[in-house]
Amino acid sequence: MVGLMHPQEIVERLAADWRNAGVEAGDVLLLHSSISRTLRRMREFGVTTPSPDLILDSFLAAIGDDGTLLLPLFNFDFTKGVPFDIRSTPSQMGALTEVGRLRAGAVRSGHPIYSFAILGRRAEDFRGLANVSGYGADSPFGELHRMGGKIGVLDLPDQNSQTFYHYVEESLSVPYRYRKSFTAPYTGEDGHAGPRTFELFVRDVENGVMTHVDPMGELLWERGLYQGDRPKQGAGLRTISAPAMYEMTAAVVAGGRAKGLLYDIQNP
């Protein structure tokens, strides 16, 4: 263990790791994360009480004042009829995302299942965004794509992180998924509550469709589109350009290669 480090030194050390994985000042970055190993690394640095707040600070430092950070606040209770309140419904995507939701200045997008906390220069661009479809063209995934943003994944396989694949699949209307509606009580920023209906582009479970995207992730590595470290190696962060990921995934779908790379069929 090294000597005790000042919190700002920890932030700068982690930010350097993220930059080495392809994060740049001014990026619009969507981050999926598992932070348990990063917390352990912080203890090795000499931090006695490592916290998700310091990790959040490190990503904000890496993208700088002109950058924008998107954190997934996905919560699937709405699909079971549980009320959603944009002001208070917690994230189910881990401690870092919940810290981001509660951070001063965070803007939350409005889809009750696939919402995001947005921090940074372009956060206000997402205020009031309540896309009907979780992966639709007007969703934060679509905004990230149009902004030329990046996706970062910390210590997670594609299978447990890369929801952007489903945005590509919906934009191409792939035949192994379909639009499904969910209705439940919804409370907006103004406190107004009432039933609302939202959609997801879900897999065709009745025909045995199962999400199986890790092979696609391997293809992204092979093509040199991922930059950084694989999960549980080094700093554990990899990044990819959202437009490049879209183009590669769309080419796989157009080439009839989605089965085996993006999905598979589970026999009864």
C-alpha atoms as a PDB file:
ATOM      1  CA  MET A   1       0.000   0.000   0.000  1.00  0.00           C
ATOM      2  CA  VAL A   2       1.281   3.457  -0.881  1.00  0.00           C
ATOM      3  CA  GLY A   3       1.126   6.366   1.525  1.00  0.00           C
ATOM      4  CA  LEU A   4      -2.121   8.174   2.122  1.00  0.00           C
ATOM      5  CA  MET A   5      -3.193  10.294  -0.824  1.00  0.00           C
ATOM      6  CA  HIS A   6      -5.209  13.495  -0.800  1.00  0.00           C
ATOM      7  CA  PRO A   7      -8.689  13.061  -2.350  1.00  0.00           C
ATOM      8  CA  GLN A   8      -7.776  15.370  -5.225  1.00  0.00           C
ATOM      9  CA  GLU A   9      -4.715  13.222  -5.948  1.00  0.00           C
ATOM     10  CA  ILE A  10      -6.959  10.162  -6.132  1.00  0.00           C
ATOM     11  CA  VAL A  11      -9.315  11.975  -8.508  1.00  0.00           C
ATOM     12  CA  GLU A  12      -6.406  12.965 -10.742  1.00  0.00           C
ATOM     13  CA  ARG A  13      -4.894   9.474 -10.680  1.00  0.00           C
ATOM     14  CA  LEU A  14      -8.166   7.846 -11.702  1.00  0.00           C
ATOM     15  CA  ALA A  15      -8.827  10.542 -14.301  1.00  0.00           C
ATOM     16  CA  ALA A  16      -5.458   9.706 -15.849  1.00  0.00           C
ATOM     17  CA  ASP A  17      -6.540   6.052 -16.083  1.00  0.00           C
ATOM     18  CA  TRP A  18      -9.740   7.064 -17.854  1.00  0.00           C
ATOM     19  CA  ARG A  19      -7.827   9.279 -20.289  1.00  0.00           C
ATOM     20  CA  ASN A  20      -5.524   6.375 -21.093  1.00  0.00           C
ATOM     21  CA  ALA A  21      -8.649   4.409 -22.039  1.00  0.00           C
ATOM     22  CA  GLY A  22      -9.753   7.059 -24.534  1.00  0.00           C
ATOM     23  CA  VAL A  23     -11.742   9.586 -22.493  1.00  0.00           C
ATOM     24  CA  GLU A  24     -10.988  13.116 -23.663  1.00  0.00           C
ATOM     25  CA  ALA A  25     -11.801  16.643 -22.524  1.00  0.00           C
ATOM     26  CA  GLY A  26     -15.109  17.754 -24.022  1.00  0.00           C
ATOM     27  CA  ASP A  27     -16.453  14.233 -24.533  1.00  0.00           C
ATOM     28  CA  VAL A  28     -20.124  13.393 -24.277  1.00  0.00           C
ATOM     29  CA  LEU A  29     -19.656  10.124 -22.418  1.00  0.00           C
ATOM     30  CA  LEU A  30     -22.208   7.462 -21.516  1.00  0.00           C
ATOM     31  CA  LEU A  31     -20.749   5.391 -18.695  1.00  0.00           C
ATOM     32  CA  HIS A  32     -21.779   1.889 -17.629  1.00  0.00           C
ATOM     33  CA  SER A  33     -19.991   0.766 -14.500  1.00  0.00           C
ATOM     34  CA  SER A  34     -19.210  -1.770 -11.835  1.00  0.00           C
ATOM     35  CA  ILE A  35     -17.085   0.076  -9.287  1.00  0.00           C
ATOM     36  CA  SER A  36     -16.240  -2.618  -6.719  1.00  0.00           C
ATOM     37  CA  ARG A  37     -12.776  -3.280  -8.148  1.00  0.00           C
ATOM     38  CA  THR A  38     -12.061   0.447  -8.521  1.00  0.00           C
ATOM     39  CA  LEU A  39     -12.931   0.905  -4.853  1.00  0.00           C
ATOM     40  CA  ARG A  40     -10.440  -1.848  -4.008  1.00  0.00           C
ATOM     41  CA  ARG A  41      -7.808  -0.154  -6.150  1.00  0.00           C
ATOM     42  CA  MET A  42      -8.420   3.063  -4.242  1.00  0.00           C
ATOM     43  CA  ARG A  43      -7.721   1.247  -0.981  1.00  0.00           C
ATOM     44  CA  GLU A  44      -4.441   0.087  -2.479  1.00  0.00           C
ATOM     45  CA  PHE A  45      -3.677   3.753  -3.187  1.00  0.00           C
ATOM     46  CA  GLY A  46      -4.094   4.386   0.544  1.00  0.00           C
ATOM     47  CA  VAL A  47      -7.679   5.670   0.624  1.00  0.00           C
ATOM     48  CA  THR A  48      -9.176   4.477   3.900  1.00  0.00           C
ATOM     49  CA  THR A  49     -12.789   5.240   2.923  1.00  0.00           C
ATOM     50  CA  PRO A  50     -13.063   5.085  -0.876  1.00  0.00           C
ATOM     51  CA  SER A  51     -16.336   6.459  -2.164  1.00  0.00           C
ATOM     52  CA  PRO A  52     -18.373   6.509  -5.368  1.00  0.00           C
ATOM     53  CA  ASP A  53     -18.298  10.330  -5.133  1.00  0.00           C
ATOM     54  CA  LEU A  54     -14.552  10.348  -5.782  1.00  0.00           C
ATOM     55  CA  ILE A  55     -15.009   8.045  -8.769  1.00  0.00           C
ATOM     56  CA  LEU A  56     -17.707  10.338 -10.147  1.00  0.00           C
ATOM     57  CA  ASP A  57     -15.395  13.322  -9.621  1.00  0.00           C
ATOM     58  CA  SER A  58     -12.652  11.507 -11.530  1.00  0.00           C
ATOM     59  CA  PHE A  59     -14.830  10.990 -14.599  1.00  0.00           C
ATOM     60  CA  LEU A  60     -15.996  14.601 -14.489  1.00  0.00           C
ATOM     61  CA  ALA A  61     -12.342  15.655 -14.256  1.00  0.00           C
ATOM     62  CA  ALA A  62     -11.454  13.482 -17.249  1.00  0.00           C
ATOM     63  CA  ILE A  63     -14.108  15.053 -19.500  1.00  0.00           C
ATOM     64  CA  GLY A  64     -13.460  18.564 -18.174  1.00  0.00           C
ATOM     65  CA  ASP A  65     -15.725  21.579 -17.963  1.00  0.00           C
ATOM     66  CA  ASP A  66     -16.821  21.223 -21.596  1.00  0.00           C
ATOM     67  CA  GLY A  67     -17.704  17.546 -21.235  1.00  0.00           C
ATOM     68  CA  THR A  68     -21.012  15.846 -20.502  1.00  0.00           C
ATOM     69  CA  LEU A  69     -21.510  12.622 -18.547  1.00  0.00           C
ATOM     70  CA  LEU A  70     -24.523  10.312 -18.902  1.00  0.00           C
ATOM     71  CA  LEU A  71     -25.167   7.718 -16.202  1.00  0.00           C
ATOM     72  CA  PRO A  72     -27.859   5.032 -16.611  1.00  0.00           C
ATOM     73  CA  LEU A  73     -30.555   5.117 -13.916  1.00  0.00           C
ATOM     74  CA  PHE A  74     -32.394   2.105 -15.294  1.00  0.00           C
ATOM     75  CA  ASN A  75     -35.207   0.862 -13.075  1.00  0.00           C
ATOM     76  CA  PHE A  76     -37.524  -1.910 -14.265  1.00  0.00           C
ATOM     77  CA  ASP A  77     -40.255  -1.610 -11.635  1.00  0.00           C
ATOM     78  CA  PHE A  78     -42.474   0.421 -14.003  1.00  0.00           C
ATOM     79  CA  THR A  79     -42.891  -2.716 -16.140  1.00  0.00           C
ATOM     80  CA  LYS A  80     -44.567  -4.318 -13.099  1.00  0.00           C
ATOM     81  CA  GLY A  81     -46.942  -1.402 -12.534  1.00  0.00           C
ATOM     82  CA  VAL A  82     -44.873   0.281  -9.802  1.00  0.00           C
ATOM     83  CA  PRO A  83     -45.231   4.101  -9.849  1.00  0.00           C
ATOM     84  CA  PHE A  84     -42.311   6.148 -11.184  1.00  0.00           C
ATOM     85  CA  ASP A  85     -41.352   9.569  -9.831  1.00  0.00           C
ATOM     86  CA  ILE A  86     -38.663  11.359 -11.821  1.00  0.00           C
ATOM     87  CA  ARG A  87     -37.694  13.260  -8.663  1.00  0.00           C
ATOM     88  CA  SER A  88     -37.080  10.284  -6.396  1.00  0.00           C
ATOM     89  CA  THR A  89     -37.195   6.856  -8.062  1.00  0.00           C
ATOM     90  CA  PRO A  90     -33.732   5.374  -7.460  1.00  0.00           C
ATOM     91  CA  SER A  91     -31.366   3.821  -9.948  1.00  0.00           C
ATOM     92  CA  GLN A  92     -30.975   0.051 -10.046  1.00  0.00           C
ATOM     93  CA  MET A  93     -27.625   0.331 -11.828  1.00  0.00           C
ATOM     94  CA  GLY A  94     -25.274   0.628  -8.872  1.00  0.00           C
ATOM     95  CA  ALA A  95     -23.846   3.103  -6.403  1.00  0.00           C
ATOM     96  CA  LEU A  96     -22.065   5.359  -8.888  1.00  0.00           C
ATOM     97  CA  THR A  97     -25.246   5.999 -10.847  1.00  0.00           C
ATOM     98  CA  GLU A  98     -27.240   6.782  -7.702  1.00  0.00           C
ATOM     99  CA  VAL A  99     -24.553   9.234  -6.594  1.00  0.00           C
ATOM    100  CA  GLY A 100     -24.852  10.840 -10.016  1.00  0.00           C
ATOM    101  CA  ARG A 101     -28.634  11.076  -9.715  1.00  0.00           C
ATOM    102  CA  LEU A 102     -28.279  12.929  -6.412  1.00  0.00           C
ATOM    103  CA  ARG A 103     -25.406  15.209  -7.499  1.00  0.00           C
ATOM    104  CA  ALA A 104     -26.248  18.913  -7.612  1.00  0.00           C
ATOM    105  CA  GLY A 105     -26.929  20.046 -11.167  1.00  0.00           C
ATOM    106  CA  ALA A 106     -27.873  16.606 -12.479  1.00  0.00           C
ATOM    107  CA  VAL A 107     -30.666  16.505 -15.065  1.00  0.00           C
ATOM    108  CA  ARG A 108     -32.753  13.346 -15.336  1.00  0.00           C
ATOM    109  CA  SER A 109     -34.284  12.197 -18.597  1.00  0.00           C
ATOM    110  CA  GLY A 110     -37.878  11.077 -18.371  1.00  0.00           C
ATOM    111  CA  HIS A 111     -38.332   7.515 -19.613  1.00  0.00           C
ATOM    112  CA  PRO A 112     -39.406   5.602 -16.471  1.00  0.00           C
ATOM    113  CA  ILE A 113     -37.455   2.447 -17.326  1.00  0.00           C
ATOM    114  CA  TYR A 114     -34.426   3.764 -19.214  1.00  0.00           C
ATOM    115  CA  SER A 115     -33.728   7.166 -17.668  1.00  0.00           C
ATOM    116  CA  PHE A 116     -30.316   8.809 -17.287  1.00  0.00           C
ATOM    117  CA  ALA A 117     -28.625  11.299 -15.001  1.00  0.00           C
ATOM    118  CA  ILE A 118     -26.786  13.884 -17.084  1.00  0.00           C
ATOM    119  CA  LEU A 119     -24.041  16.107 -15.704  1.00  0.00           C
ATOM    120  CA  GLY A 120     -21.910  18.701 -17.428  1.00  0.00           C
ATOM    121  CA  ARG A 121     -22.076  21.317 -20.145  1.00  0.00           C
ATOM    122  CA  ARG A 122     -24.887  19.814 -22.239  1.00  0.00           C
ATOM    123  CA  ALA A 123     -27.014  18.504 -19.367  1.00  0.00           C
ATOM    124  CA  GLU A 124     -29.783  21.030 -20.010  1.00  0.00           C
ATOM    125  CA  ASP A 125     -30.178  19.654 -23.550  1.00  0.00           C
ATOM    126  CA  PHE A 126     -31.744  16.587 -21.913  1.00  0.00           C
ATOM    127  CA  ARG A 127     -34.153  18.388 -19.574  1.00  0.00           C
ATOM    128  CA  GLY A 128     -37.757  17.567 -20.351  1.00  0.00           C
ATOM    129  CA  LEU A 129     -36.782  14.658 -22.606  1.00  0.00           C
ATOM    130  CA  ALA A 130     -39.427  11.992 -22.076  1.00  0.00           C
ATOM    131  CA  ASN A 131     -39.027   9.698 -25.073  1.00  0.00           C
ATOM    132  CA  VAL A 132     -41.879   7.197 -25.397  1.00  0.00           C
ATOM    133  CA  SER A 133     -39.601   4.354 -26.501  1.00  0.00           C
ATOM    134  CA  GLY A 134     -36.626   3.505 -24.312  1.00  0.00           C
ATOM    135  CA  TYR A 135     -34.285   2.987 -27.278  1.00  0.00           C
ATOM    136  CA  GLY A 136     -35.974   5.357 -29.730  1.00  0.00           C
ATOM    137  CA  ALA A 137     -34.366   7.876 -32.057  1.00  0.00           C
ATOM    138  CA  ASP A 138     -35.367  10.659 -29.632  1.00  0.00           C
ATOM    139  CA  SER A 139     -33.920   8.854 -26.593  1.00  0.00           C
ATOM    140  CA  PRO A 140     -30.632   9.727 -24.858  1.00  0.00           C
ATOM    141  CA  PHE A 141     -29.084   6.931 -26.938  1.00  0.00           C
ATOM    142  CA  GLY A 142     -30.118   8.809 -30.060  1.00  0.00           C
ATOM    143  CA  GLU A 143     -28.825  12.096 -28.653  1.00  0.00           C
ATOM    144  CA  LEU A 144     -25.501  10.458 -27.816  1.00  0.00           C
ATOM    145  CA  HIS A 145     -25.272   9.140 -31.362  1.00  0.00           C
ATOM    146  CA  ARG A 146     -26.063  12.519 -32.939  1.00  0.00           C
ATOM    147  CA  MET A 147     -23.622  14.310 -30.627  1.00  0.00           C
ATOM    148  CA  GLY A 148     -20.811  12.005 -31.719  1.00  0.00           C
ATOM    149  CA  GLY A 149     -20.364  10.809 -28.154  1.00  0.00           C
ATOM    150  CA  LYS A 150     -18.578   7.871 -26.627  1.00  0.00           C
ATOM    151  CA  ILE A 151     -19.571   4.910 -24.492  1.00  0.00           C
ATOM    152  CA  GLY A 152     -17.384   3.871 -21.585  1.00  0.00           C
ATOM    153  CA  VAL A 153     -17.705   0.525 -19.806  1.00  0.00           C
ATOM    154  CA  LEU A 154     -15.996  -0.059 -16.478  1.00  0.00           C
ATOM    155  CA  ASP A 155     -15.396  -3.687 -15.461  1.00  0.00           C
ATOM    156  CA  LEU A 156     -18.504  -5.099 -17.150  1.00  0.00           C
ATOM    157  CA  PRO A 157     -18.917  -7.418 -20.143  1.00  0.00           C
ATOM    158  CA  ASP A 158     -20.993  -6.200 -23.077  1.00  0.00           C
ATOM    159  CA  GLN A 159     -23.794  -8.550 -22.034  1.00  0.00           C
ATOM    160  CA  ASN A 160     -24.269  -6.608 -18.796  1.00  0.00           C
ATOM    161  CA  SER A 161     -23.777  -3.104 -20.119  1.00  0.00           C
ATOM    162  CA  GLN A 162     -24.070  -2.222 -23.778  1.00  0.00           C
ATOM    163  CA  THR A 163     -27.729  -1.244 -24.120  1.00  0.00           C
ATOM    164  CA  PHE A 164     -26.731   0.860 -27.140  1.00  0.00           C
ATOM    165  CA  TYR A 165     -27.021  -2.324 -29.230  1.00  0.00           C
ATOM    166  CA  HIS A 166     -30.789  -2.237 -28.669  1.00  0.00           C
ATOM    167  CA  TYR A 167     -30.925   1.358 -29.889  1.00  0.00           C
ATOM    168  CA  VAL A 168     -29.333   0.181 -33.133  1.00  0.00           C
ATOM    169  CA  GLU A 169     -31.708  -2.775 -33.328  1.00  0.00           C
ATOM    170  CA  GLU A 170     -34.773  -0.562 -32.877  1.00  0.00           C
ATOM    171  CA  SER A 171     -33.562   1.964 -35.443  1.00  0.00           C
ATOM    172  CA  LEU A 172     -33.338  -0.913 -37.945  1.00  0.00           C
ATOM    173  CA  SER A 173     -36.597  -2.598 -36.814  1.00  0.00           C
ATOM    174  CA  VAL A 174     -34.948  -6.009 -36.435  1.00  0.00           C
ATOM    175  CA  PRO A 175     -37.468  -8.876 -36.669  1.00  0.00           C
ATOM    176  CA  TYR A 176     -36.425 -10.653 -33.453  1.00  0.00           C
ATOM    177  CA  ARG A 177     -37.660  -7.785 -31.247  1.00  0.00           C
ATOM    178  CA  TYR A 178     -40.954  -5.925 -31.053  1.00  0.00           C
ATOM    179  CA  ARG A 179     -42.455  -2.863 -29.388  1.00  0.00           C
ATOM    180  CA  LYS A 180     -44.246  -3.498 -26.118  1.00  0.00           C
ATOM    181  CA  SER A 181     -46.208  -0.945 -24.057  1.00  0.00           C
ATOM    182  CA  PHE A 182     -46.210  -0.495 -20.290  1.00  0.00           C
ATOM    183  CA  THR A 183     -48.607   1.707 -18.326  1.00  0.00           C
ATOM    184  CA  ALA A 184     -48.247   2.790 -14.693  1.00  0.00           C
ATOM    185  CA  PRO A 185     -48.526   5.921 -12.520  1.00  0.00           C
ATOM    186  CA  TYR A 186     -45.920   8.553 -13.469  1.00  0.00           C
ATOM    187  CA  THR A 187     -44.888  11.728 -11.647  1.00  0.00           C
ATOM    188  CA  GLY A 188     -42.962  14.396 -13.540  1.00  0.00           C
ATOM    189  CA  GLU A 189     -40.679  17.204 -12.406  1.00  0.00           C
ATOM    190  CA  ASP A 190     -43.671  19.468 -11.793  1.00  0.00           C
ATOM    191  CA  GLY A 191     -45.158  16.955  -9.348  1.00  0.00           C
ATOM    192  CA  HIS A 192     -48.085  16.163 -11.628  1.00  0.00           C
ATOM    193  CA  ALA A 193     -49.035  12.485 -11.349  1.00  0.00           C
ATOM    194  CA  GLY A 194     -51.121  10.262 -13.557  1.00  0.00           C
ATOM    195  CA  PRO A 195     -51.029   7.101 -15.653  1.00  0.00           C
ATOM    196  CA  ARG A 196     -48.695   7.200 -18.640  1.00  0.00           C
ATOM    197  CA  THR A 197     -47.683   4.683 -21.264  1.00  0.00           C
ATOM    198  CA  PHE A 198     -44.136   4.052 -22.468  1.00  0.00           C
ATOM    199  CA  GLU A 199     -42.577   1.481 -24.771  1.00  0.00           C
ATOM    200  CA  LEU A 200     -39.625  -0.863 -24.963  1.00  0.00           C
ATOM    201  CA  PHE A 201     -38.301  -2.730 -27.985  1.00  0.00           C
ATOM    202  CA  VAL A 202     -38.231  -6.123 -26.297  1.00  0.00           C
ATOM    203  CA  ARG A 203     -36.887  -9.475 -27.427  1.00  0.00           C
ATOM    204  CA  ASP A 204     -39.310 -12.068 -28.796  1.00  0.00           C
ATOM    205  CA  VAL A 205     -39.299 -14.335 -25.760  1.00  0.00           C
ATOM    206  CA  GLU A 206     -42.074 -16.580 -27.093  1.00  0.00           C
ATOM    207  CA  ASN A 207     -39.814 -17.596 -29.954  1.00  0.00           C
ATOM    208  CA  GLY A 208     -36.840 -18.194 -27.661  1.00  0.00           C
ATOM    209  CA  VAL A 209     -34.899 -15.020 -28.451  1.00  0.00           C
ATOM    210  CA  MET A 210     -32.200 -14.290 -25.882  1.00  0.00           C
ATOM    211  CA  THR A 211     -29.810 -11.368 -25.790  1.00  0.00           C
ATOM    212  CA  HIS A 212     -26.299 -12.617 -26.577  1.00  0.00           C
ATOM    213  CA  VAL A 213     -24.008  -9.674 -27.355  1.00  0.00           C
ATOM    214  CA  ASP A 214     -20.611 -10.679 -25.952  1.00  0.00           C
ATOM    215  CA  PRO A 215     -19.584 -12.094 -29.366  1.00  0.00           C
ATOM    216  CA  MET A 216     -20.335  -8.671 -30.867  1.00  0.00           C
ATOM    217  CA  GLY A 217     -18.102  -7.127 -28.237  1.00  0.00           C
ATOM    218  CA  GLU A 218     -15.281  -9.430 -29.308  1.00  0.00           C
ATOM    219  CA  LEU A 219     -15.775  -8.281 -32.882  1.00  0.00           C
ATOM    220  CA  LEU A 220     -15.457  -4.662 -31.741  1.00  0.00           C
ATOM    221  CA  TRP A 221     -12.143  -5.532 -30.067  1.00  0.00           C
ATOM    222  CA  GLU A 222     -10.950  -7.344 -33.194  1.00  0.00           C
ATOM    223  CA  ARG A 223     -11.774  -4.340 -35.381  1.00  0.00           C
ATOM    224  CA  GLY A 224      -9.905  -1.992 -33.046  1.00  0.00           C
ATOM    225  CA  LEU A 225     -13.012  -0.027 -32.126  1.00  0.00           C
ATOM    226  CA  TYR A 226     -12.664  -0.593 -28.400  1.00  0.00           C
ATOM    227  CA  GLN A 227      -9.861   1.311 -26.668  1.00  0.00           C
ATOM    228  CA  GLY A 228      -8.565   0.666 -23.156  1.00  0.00           C
ATOM    229  CA  ASP A 229      -8.730  -2.346 -20.878  1.00  0.00           C
ATOM    230  CA  ARG A 230     -10.895  -5.426 -20.780  1.00  0.00           C
ATOM    231  CA  PRO A 231     -13.029  -6.019 -17.668  1.00  0.00           C
ATOM    232  CA  LYS A 232     -11.016  -6.820 -14.531  1.00  0.00           C
ATOM    233  CA  GLN A 233      -7.741  -5.953 -16.284  1.00  0.00           C
ATOM    234  CA  GLY A 234      -5.709  -2.803 -15.681  1.00  0.00           C
ATOM    235  CA  ALA A 235      -8.019   0.094 -14.880  1.00  0.00           C
ATOM    236  CA  GLY A 236     -10.905  -1.925 -16.346  1.00  0.00           C
ATOM    237  CA  LEU A 237     -12.290   0.840 -18.573  1.00  0.00           C
ATOM    238  CA  ARG A 238     -12.839   0.596 -22.312  1.00  0.00           C
ATOM    239  CA  THR A 239     -14.342   3.226 -24.589  1.00  0.00           C
ATOM    240  CA  ILE A 240     -15.845   3.287 -28.049  1.00  0.00           C
ATOM    241  CA  SER A 241     -17.208   5.947 -30.375  1.00  0.00           C
ATOM    242  CA  ALA A 242     -21.006   5.736 -30.443  1.00  0.00           C
ATOM    243  CA  PRO A 243     -21.197   6.451 -34.228  1.00  0.00           C
ATOM    244  CA  ALA A 244     -18.545   3.791 -34.922  1.00  0.00           C
ATOM    245  CA  MET A 245     -20.382   1.279 -32.752  1.00  0.00           C
ATOM    246  CA  TYR A 246     -23.624   2.088 -34.556  1.00  0.00           C
ATOM    247  CA  GLU A 247     -22.063   1.613 -37.995  1.00  0.00           C
ATOM    248  CA  MET A 248     -20.441  -1.717 -37.096  1.00  0.00           C
ATOM    249  CA  THR A 249     -23.595  -3.082 -35.451  1.00  0.00           C
ATOM    250  CA  ALA A 250     -25.800  -1.903 -38.314  1.00  0.00           C
ATOM    251  CA  ALA A 251     -23.471  -3.619 -40.790  1.00  0.00           C
ATOM    252  CA  VAL A 252     -23.809  -6.878 -38.849  1.00  0.00           C
ATOM    253  CA  VAL A 253     -27.599  -6.634 -38.939  1.00  0.00           C
ATOM    254  CA  ALA A 254     -27.660  -5.674 -42.631  1.00  0.00           C
ATOM    255  CA  GLY A 255     -25.354  -8.581 -43.422  1.00  0.00           C
ATOM    256  CA  GLY A 256     -27.686 -11.089 -41.792  1.00  0.00           C
ATOM    257  CA  ARG A 257     -25.182 -11.883 -39.037  1.00  0.00           C
ATOM    258  CA  ALA A 258     -27.136 -10.715 -35.978  1.00  0.00           C
ATOM    259  CA  LYS A 259     -27.887 -14.261 -34.852  1.00  0.00           C
ATOM    260  CA  GLY A 260     -24.838 -15.420 -32.943  1.00  0.00           C
ATOM    261  CA  LEU A 261     -23.437 -11.922 -32.539  1.00  0.00           C
ATOM    262  CA  LEU A 262     -26.367  -9.967 -31.051  1.00  0.00           C
ATOM    263  CA  TYR A 263     -28.877 -12.649 -30.136  1.00  0.00           C
ATOM    264  CA  ASP A 264     -29.399 -16.364 -30.066  1.00  0.00           C
ATOM    265  CA  ILE A 265     -32.338 -18.741 -29.890  1.00  0.00           C
ATOM    266  CA  GLN A 266     -32.911 -20.722 -26.713  1.00  0.00           C
ATOM    267  CA  ASN A 267     -34.480 -24.051 -27.501  1.00  0.00           C
ATOM    268  CA  PRO A 268     -37.446 -25.038 -25.305  1.00  0.00           C
END
